[in-house]
Amino acid sequence: MSGPADRRDEVADAARRAFALLPARGEDLSRLDAPARGAARRVHSDPDTVERDLVALVLTLVELLRQLMERQALRRVDEGHLTEAQEERLGLTLMLLHDRMVELCDQYGLTLDDLNLDLGPLGTLLPPP
């Protein structure tokens, strides 16, 4: 019977494997002095850009969800599960959401391409447009 300690070990092992896929870049490490390298190997946050970086992360998640909703909507349209009025409303909603995403990106000096995270060997988070 596995207990909480076994589950913690399992999660810790999974995290170690995941972080092994995302090695720190040399330029990230060169900015750190030797004692700090162990604690900040993967995360380098600049106080001047932390707001923009946080907004980029949130917008990335919203864009991922928007694209998933768009694919789901197209599947439902292809299967004929929607009335013509529902298709029209869904299409308009998705277009407005896309336009709002572009506006938010412009507001923070980002592009939709900036939201496509590179996941290393897994490729990019978002599919190409």
N, C-alpha and C. Protein backbone atom coordinates (compact mmCIF):
# COMPACT_ATOMS: atom_id res chain seq x y z
N MET A 1 0.84 -1.16 0.00
CA MET A 1 0.00 0.00 0.00
C MET A 1 0.90 1.24 0.00
N SER A 2 0.62 2.16 -0.92
CA SER A 2 1.47 3.35 -1.00
C SER A 2 0.87 4.48 -0.18
N GLY A 3 1.74 5.19 0.48
CA GLY A 3 1.29 6.29 1.32
C GLY A 3 1.68 7.63 0.74
N PRO A 4 1.45 8.69 1.51
CA PRO A 4 1.78 10.04 1.05
C PRO A 4 3.27 10.21 0.73
N ALA A 5 4.13 9.56 1.49
CA ALA A 5 5.57 9.68 1.23
C ALA A 5 5.93 9.08 -0.12
N ASP A 6 5.32 7.93 -0.47
CA ASP A 6 5.57 7.32 -1.77
C ASP A 6 5.08 8.23 -2.89
N ARG A 7 3.95 8.86 -2.69
CA ARG A 7 3.39 9.76 -3.70
C ARG A 7 4.29 10.98 -3.87
N ARG A 8 4.82 11.52 -2.77
CA ARG A 8 5.74 12.66 -2.86
C ARG A 8 6.99 12.28 -3.64
N ASP A 9 7.52 11.10 -3.36
CA ASP A 9 8.70 10.64 -4.08
C ASP A 9 8.41 10.49 -5.57
N GLU A 10 7.24 9.98 -5.89
CA GLU A 10 6.84 9.80 -7.29
C GLU A 10 6.73 11.16 -7.99
N VAL A 11 6.12 12.14 -7.32
CA VAL A 11 5.98 13.47 -7.90
C VAL A 11 7.35 14.14 -8.03
N ALA A 12 8.20 14.01 -7.03
CA ALA A 12 9.54 14.59 -7.08
C ALA A 12 10.34 13.98 -8.22
N ASP A 13 10.22 12.69 -8.43
CA ASP A 13 10.92 12.03 -9.52
C ASP A 13 10.42 12.54 -10.87
N ALA A 14 9.12 12.70 -11.00
CA ALA A 14 8.55 13.23 -12.25
C ALA A 14 9.02 14.66 -12.50
N ALA A 15 9.10 15.46 -11.46
CA ALA A 15 9.58 16.84 -11.61
C ALA A 15 11.05 16.86 -12.03
N ARG A 16 11.86 15.99 -11.44
CA ARG A 16 13.28 15.92 -11.82
C ARG A 16 13.41 15.57 -13.30
N ARG A 17 12.63 14.60 -13.77
CA ARG A 17 12.69 14.21 -15.18
C ARG A 17 12.24 15.36 -16.08
N ALA A 18 11.19 16.08 -15.69
CA ALA A 18 10.69 17.19 -16.49
C ALA A 18 11.72 18.31 -16.57
N PHE A 19 12.34 18.66 -15.44
CA PHE A 19 13.32 19.74 -15.45
C PHE A 19 14.59 19.34 -16.19
N ALA A 20 14.87 18.06 -16.26
CA ALA A 20 16.04 17.60 -17.01
C ALA A 20 15.87 17.88 -18.51
N LEU A 21 14.61 17.97 -18.98
CA LEU A 21 14.35 18.27 -20.38
C LEU A 21 14.57 19.74 -20.71
N LEU A 22 14.61 20.60 -19.69
CA LEU A 22 14.72 22.04 -19.90
C LEU A 22 16.01 22.59 -19.30
N PRO A 23 17.15 22.31 -19.92
CA PRO A 23 18.41 22.78 -19.34
C PRO A 23 18.51 24.30 -19.38
N ALA A 24 19.18 24.85 -18.40
CA ALA A 24 19.41 26.28 -18.36
C ALA A 24 20.40 26.64 -19.46
N ARG A 25 20.23 27.83 -20.04
CA ARG A 25 21.15 28.30 -21.08
C ARG A 25 22.39 28.88 -20.41
N GLY A 26 23.49 28.86 -21.13
CA GLY A 26 24.75 29.37 -20.61
C GLY A 26 24.68 30.82 -20.20
N GLU A 27 24.00 31.65 -21.01
CA GLU A 27 23.93 33.07 -20.66
C GLU A 27 23.13 33.31 -19.38
N ASP A 28 22.19 32.42 -19.06
CA ASP A 28 21.46 32.54 -17.80
C ASP A 28 22.40 32.30 -16.62
N LEU A 29 23.27 31.32 -16.74
CA LEU A 29 24.17 30.98 -15.65
C LEU A 29 25.31 31.97 -15.51
N SER A 30 25.73 32.58 -16.62
CA SER A 30 26.87 33.50 -16.55
C SER A 30 26.53 34.76 -15.77
N ARG A 31 25.24 35.11 -15.66
CA ARG A 31 24.85 36.30 -14.91
C ARG A 31 24.82 36.05 -13.41
N LEU A 32 24.93 34.82 -13.02
CA LEU A 32 24.87 34.48 -11.60
C LEU A 32 26.27 34.26 -11.04
N ASP A 33 26.49 34.65 -9.81
CA ASP A 33 27.76 34.32 -9.19
C ASP A 33 27.71 32.87 -8.72
N ALA A 34 28.84 32.29 -8.44
CA ALA A 34 28.94 30.86 -8.13
C ALA A 34 28.01 30.39 -7.03
N PRO A 35 27.90 31.05 -5.86
CA PRO A 35 27.02 30.54 -4.80
C PRO A 35 25.54 30.55 -5.19
N ALA A 36 25.15 31.46 -6.04
CA ALA A 36 23.73 31.57 -6.38
C ALA A 36 23.31 30.57 -7.46
N ARG A 37 24.25 29.98 -8.14
CA ARG A 37 23.91 29.09 -9.26
C ARG A 37 23.05 27.91 -8.85
N GLY A 38 23.28 27.34 -7.71
CA GLY A 38 22.50 26.18 -7.31
C GLY A 38 21.04 26.50 -7.07
N ALA A 39 20.75 27.67 -6.56
CA ALA A 39 19.37 28.03 -6.22
C ALA A 39 18.59 28.57 -7.41
N ALA A 40 19.25 29.15 -8.39
CA ALA A 40 18.52 29.80 -9.48
C ALA A 40 19.00 29.31 -10.84
N ARG A 41 18.98 28.05 -11.05
CA ARG A 41 19.47 27.49 -12.30
C ARG A 41 18.51 27.69 -13.44
N ARG A 42 17.22 27.66 -13.20
CA ARG A 42 16.26 27.67 -14.28
C ARG A 42 15.48 28.98 -14.40
N VAL A 43 15.34 29.70 -13.33
CA VAL A 43 14.51 30.89 -13.34
C VAL A 43 15.37 32.13 -13.23
N HIS A 44 15.24 33.01 -14.19
CA HIS A 44 15.92 34.30 -14.12
C HIS A 44 14.86 35.36 -14.34
N SER A 45 14.47 36.03 -13.28
CA SER A 45 13.43 37.04 -13.42
C SER A 45 14.05 38.41 -13.20
N ASP A 46 13.75 39.29 -14.11
CA ASP A 46 14.22 40.66 -14.05
C ASP A 46 13.12 41.51 -13.43
N PRO A 47 13.37 42.21 -12.34
CA PRO A 47 12.32 43.01 -11.70
C PRO A 47 11.67 44.01 -12.64
N ASP A 48 12.41 44.46 -13.65
CA ASP A 48 11.86 45.44 -14.59
C ASP A 48 10.87 44.83 -15.57
N THR A 49 10.96 43.52 -15.80
CA THR A 49 10.08 42.90 -16.79
C THR A 49 9.13 41.87 -16.18
N VAL A 50 9.09 41.78 -14.87
CA VAL A 50 8.28 40.74 -14.24
C VAL A 50 6.79 40.89 -14.58
N GLU A 51 6.28 42.13 -14.66
CA GLU A 51 4.87 42.31 -15.01
C GLU A 51 4.60 41.83 -16.43
N ARG A 52 5.47 42.22 -17.36
CA ARG A 52 5.30 41.81 -18.75
C ARG A 52 5.40 40.29 -18.88
N ASP A 53 6.34 39.68 -18.16
CA ASP A 53 6.51 38.24 -18.22
C ASP A 53 5.29 37.51 -17.66
N LEU A 54 4.73 38.04 -16.58
CA LEU A 54 3.53 37.44 -16.00
C LEU A 54 2.35 37.57 -16.95
N VAL A 55 2.21 38.73 -17.57
CA VAL A 55 1.13 38.94 -18.54
C VAL A 55 1.31 37.98 -19.71
N ALA A 56 2.55 37.82 -20.16
CA ALA A 56 2.81 36.90 -21.28
C ALA A 56 2.41 35.47 -20.91
N LEU A 57 2.69 35.06 -19.69
CA LEU A 57 2.32 33.71 -19.25
C LEU A 57 0.80 33.55 -19.22
N VAL A 58 0.11 34.52 -18.65
CA VAL A 58 -1.36 34.46 -18.58
C VAL A 58 -1.95 34.47 -19.98
N LEU A 59 -1.45 35.34 -20.85
CA LEU A 59 -1.97 35.40 -22.22
C LEU A 59 -1.66 34.12 -22.98
N THR A 60 -0.54 33.49 -22.68
CA THR A 60 -0.22 32.20 -23.31
C THR A 60 -1.28 31.16 -22.95
N LEU A 61 -1.65 31.10 -21.68
CA LEU A 61 -2.67 30.15 -21.25
C LEU A 61 -4.03 30.47 -21.89
N VAL A 62 -4.37 31.76 -21.96
CA VAL A 62 -5.63 32.15 -22.58
C VAL A 62 -5.62 31.80 -24.06
N GLU A 63 -4.50 32.04 -24.74
CA GLU A 63 -4.40 31.71 -26.17
C GLU A 63 -4.50 30.20 -26.39
N LEU A 64 -3.88 29.42 -25.53
CA LEU A 64 -4.00 27.97 -25.64
C LEU A 64 -5.46 27.54 -25.51
N LEU A 65 -6.14 28.07 -24.51
CA LEU A 65 -7.56 27.74 -24.33
C LEU A 65 -8.40 28.23 -25.50
N ARG A 66 -8.10 29.40 -26.03
CA ARG A 66 -8.84 29.93 -27.17
C ARG A 66 -8.70 29.01 -28.38
N GLN A 67 -7.47 28.56 -28.62
CA GLN A 67 -7.25 27.66 -29.75
C GLN A 67 -7.94 26.31 -29.55
N LEU A 68 -7.93 25.82 -28.32
CA LEU A 68 -8.63 24.56 -28.05
C LEU A 68 -10.14 24.71 -28.26
N MET A 69 -10.69 25.84 -27.80
CA MET A 69 -12.12 26.09 -28.00
C MET A 69 -12.44 26.22 -29.49
N GLU A 70 -11.56 26.85 -30.23
CA GLU A 70 -11.76 27.00 -31.67
C GLU A 70 -11.78 25.65 -32.37
N ARG A 71 -10.84 24.78 -32.00
CA ARG A 71 -10.82 23.43 -32.60
C ARG A 71 -12.07 22.63 -32.24
N GLN A 72 -12.49 22.76 -30.99
CA GLN A 72 -13.71 22.06 -30.55
C GLN A 72 -14.92 22.58 -31.32
N ALA A 73 -14.98 23.89 -31.51
CA ALA A 73 -16.10 24.48 -32.25
C ALA A 73 -16.10 24.00 -33.69
N LEU A 74 -14.94 23.96 -34.33
CA LEU A 74 -14.86 23.47 -35.70
C LEU A 74 -15.29 22.01 -35.80
N ARG A 75 -14.91 21.23 -34.82
CA ARG A 75 -15.32 19.82 -34.82
C ARG A 75 -16.83 19.70 -34.72
N ARG A 76 -17.43 20.51 -33.85
CA ARG A 76 -18.89 20.47 -33.68
C ARG A 76 -19.60 20.94 -34.95
N VAL A 77 -19.04 21.95 -35.62
CA VAL A 77 -19.62 22.43 -36.87
C VAL A 77 -19.53 21.33 -37.93
N ASP A 78 -18.35 20.71 -38.04
CA ASP A 78 -18.15 19.64 -39.03
C ASP A 78 -19.09 18.47 -38.80
N GLU A 79 -19.39 18.18 -37.54
CA GLU A 79 -20.28 17.07 -37.22
C GLU A 79 -21.75 17.44 -37.36
N GLY A 80 -22.03 18.73 -37.58
CA GLY A 80 -23.41 19.17 -37.76
C GLY A 80 -24.22 19.25 -36.48
N HIS A 81 -23.57 19.45 -35.36
CA HIS A 81 -24.26 19.49 -34.07
C HIS A 81 -24.80 20.87 -33.71
N LEU A 82 -24.55 21.87 -34.56
CA LEU A 82 -24.95 23.23 -34.24
C LEU A 82 -25.94 23.75 -35.28
N THR A 83 -26.83 24.61 -34.83
CA THR A 83 -27.73 25.28 -35.78
C THR A 83 -26.93 26.38 -36.46
N GLU A 84 -27.50 26.92 -37.52
CA GLU A 84 -26.82 27.99 -38.24
C GLU A 84 -26.62 29.22 -37.34
N ALA A 85 -27.59 29.52 -36.51
CA ALA A 85 -27.49 30.66 -35.60
C ALA A 85 -26.38 30.42 -34.56
N GLN A 86 -26.28 29.19 -34.06
CA GLN A 86 -25.23 28.86 -33.09
C GLN A 86 -23.85 28.97 -33.74
N GLU A 87 -23.75 28.50 -34.98
CA GLU A 87 -22.47 28.60 -35.69
C GLU A 87 -22.07 30.06 -35.87
N GLU A 88 -23.03 30.91 -36.23
CA GLU A 88 -22.76 32.32 -36.43
C GLU A 88 -22.30 32.98 -35.12
N ARG A 89 -23.02 32.70 -34.04
CA ARG A 89 -22.67 33.28 -32.74
C ARG A 89 -21.30 32.79 -32.25
N LEU A 90 -21.04 31.52 -32.45
CA LEU A 90 -19.75 30.95 -32.05
C LEU A 90 -18.61 31.57 -32.85
N GLY A 91 -18.80 31.70 -34.16
CA GLY A 91 -17.78 32.30 -35.00
C GLY A 91 -17.49 33.74 -34.61
N LEU A 92 -18.55 34.51 -34.35
CA LEU A 92 -18.39 35.90 -33.93
C LEU A 92 -17.66 35.99 -32.59
N THR A 93 -18.03 35.13 -31.66
CA THR A 93 -17.39 35.11 -30.34
C THR A 93 -15.90 34.81 -30.46
N LEU A 94 -15.55 33.82 -31.26
CA LEU A 94 -14.14 33.46 -31.43
C LEU A 94 -13.36 34.57 -32.12
N MET A 95 -13.97 35.25 -33.08
CA MET A 95 -13.29 36.37 -33.74
C MET A 95 -13.07 37.52 -32.76
N LEU A 96 -14.07 37.82 -31.93
CA LEU A 96 -13.92 38.89 -30.94
C LEU A 96 -12.84 38.54 -29.92
N LEU A 97 -12.80 37.28 -29.49
CA LEU A 97 -11.78 36.85 -28.54
C LEU A 97 -10.38 36.98 -29.16
N HIS A 98 -10.25 36.60 -30.41
CA HIS A 98 -8.96 36.73 -31.10
C HIS A 98 -8.55 38.21 -31.18
N ASP A 99 -9.49 39.07 -31.56
CA ASP A 99 -9.19 40.50 -31.64
C ASP A 99 -8.78 41.05 -30.28
N ARG A 100 -9.44 40.62 -29.22
CA ARG A 100 -9.10 41.09 -27.87
C ARG A 100 -7.72 40.60 -27.47
N MET A 101 -7.36 39.38 -27.85
CA MET A 101 -6.02 38.87 -27.57
C MET A 101 -4.96 39.72 -28.26
N VAL A 102 -5.21 40.10 -29.52
CA VAL A 102 -4.27 40.95 -30.25
C VAL A 102 -4.14 42.30 -29.55
N GLU A 103 -5.26 42.87 -29.10
CA GLU A 103 -5.23 44.15 -28.38
C GLU A 103 -4.41 44.05 -27.10
N LEU A 104 -4.63 43.00 -26.34
CA LEU A 104 -3.88 42.82 -25.09
C LEU A 104 -2.39 42.64 -25.36
N CYS A 105 -2.07 41.89 -26.39
CA CYS A 105 -0.65 41.72 -26.75
C CYS A 105 -0.04 43.06 -27.12
N ASP A 106 -0.75 43.85 -27.92
CA ASP A 106 -0.25 45.18 -28.30
C ASP A 106 -0.03 46.06 -27.08
N GLN A 107 -0.95 45.98 -26.14
CA GLN A 107 -0.88 46.80 -24.93
C GLN A 107 0.40 46.52 -24.14
N TYR A 108 0.86 45.28 -24.16
CA TYR A 108 2.06 44.90 -23.40
C TYR A 108 3.29 44.68 -24.28
N GLY A 109 3.21 45.11 -25.54
CA GLY A 109 4.36 45.00 -26.42
C GLY A 109 4.69 43.57 -26.80
N LEU A 110 3.68 42.74 -26.94
CA LEU A 110 3.86 41.33 -27.31
C LEU A 110 3.20 41.06 -28.65
N THR A 111 3.56 39.96 -29.26
CA THR A 111 2.84 39.46 -30.44
C THR A 111 2.31 38.08 -30.08
N LEU A 112 1.39 37.59 -30.89
CA LEU A 112 0.87 36.24 -30.64
C LEU A 112 2.00 35.21 -30.76
N ASP A 113 3.00 35.49 -31.59
CA ASP A 113 4.15 34.57 -31.70
C ASP A 113 4.95 34.52 -30.41
N ASP A 114 4.99 35.63 -29.67
CA ASP A 114 5.71 35.66 -28.39
C ASP A 114 5.08 34.70 -27.37
N LEU A 115 3.82 34.37 -27.56
CA LEU A 115 3.11 33.52 -26.60
C LEU A 115 3.37 32.03 -26.84
N ASN A 116 3.98 31.71 -27.95
CA ASN A 116 4.21 30.31 -28.30
C ASN A 116 5.50 29.82 -27.65
N LEU A 117 5.37 29.24 -26.47
CA LEU A 117 6.53 28.79 -25.70
C LEU A 117 7.24 27.64 -26.38
N ASP A 118 8.56 27.69 -26.35
CA ASP A 118 9.38 26.60 -26.88
C ASP A 118 9.57 25.60 -25.75
N LEU A 119 9.08 24.39 -25.96
CA LEU A 119 9.14 23.35 -24.93
C LEU A 119 10.33 22.40 -25.16
N GLY A 120 11.35 22.89 -25.83
CA GLY A 120 12.54 22.10 -26.07
C GLY A 120 12.26 20.93 -26.98
N PRO A 121 12.62 19.71 -26.56
CA PRO A 121 12.44 18.55 -27.42
C PRO A 121 10.98 18.25 -27.74
N LEU A 122 10.06 18.82 -26.99
CA LEU A 122 8.64 18.58 -27.26
C LEU A 122 8.10 19.49 -28.36
N GLY A 123 8.85 20.49 -28.75
CA GLY A 123 8.40 21.44 -29.77
C GLY A 123 7.79 22.66 -29.11
N THR A 124 6.91 23.34 -29.84
CA THR A 124 6.28 24.54 -29.31
C THR A 124 4.93 24.18 -28.68
N LEU A 125 4.48 25.05 -27.78
CA LEU A 125 3.22 24.82 -27.10
C LEU A 125 2.04 24.93 -28.03
N LEU A 126 2.04 25.97 -28.86
CA LEU A 126 0.91 26.21 -29.75
C LEU A 126 1.26 25.74 -31.15
N PRO A 127 0.28 25.22 -31.88
CA PRO A 127 0.55 24.81 -33.25
C PRO A 127 0.75 26.04 -34.13
N PRO A 128 1.41 25.87 -35.28
CA PRO A 128 1.57 27.02 -36.18
C PRO A 128 0.21 27.48 -36.68
N PRO A 129 0.09 28.80 -36.94
CA PRO A 129 -1.22 29.31 -37.40
C PRO A 129 -1.61 28.81 -38.75
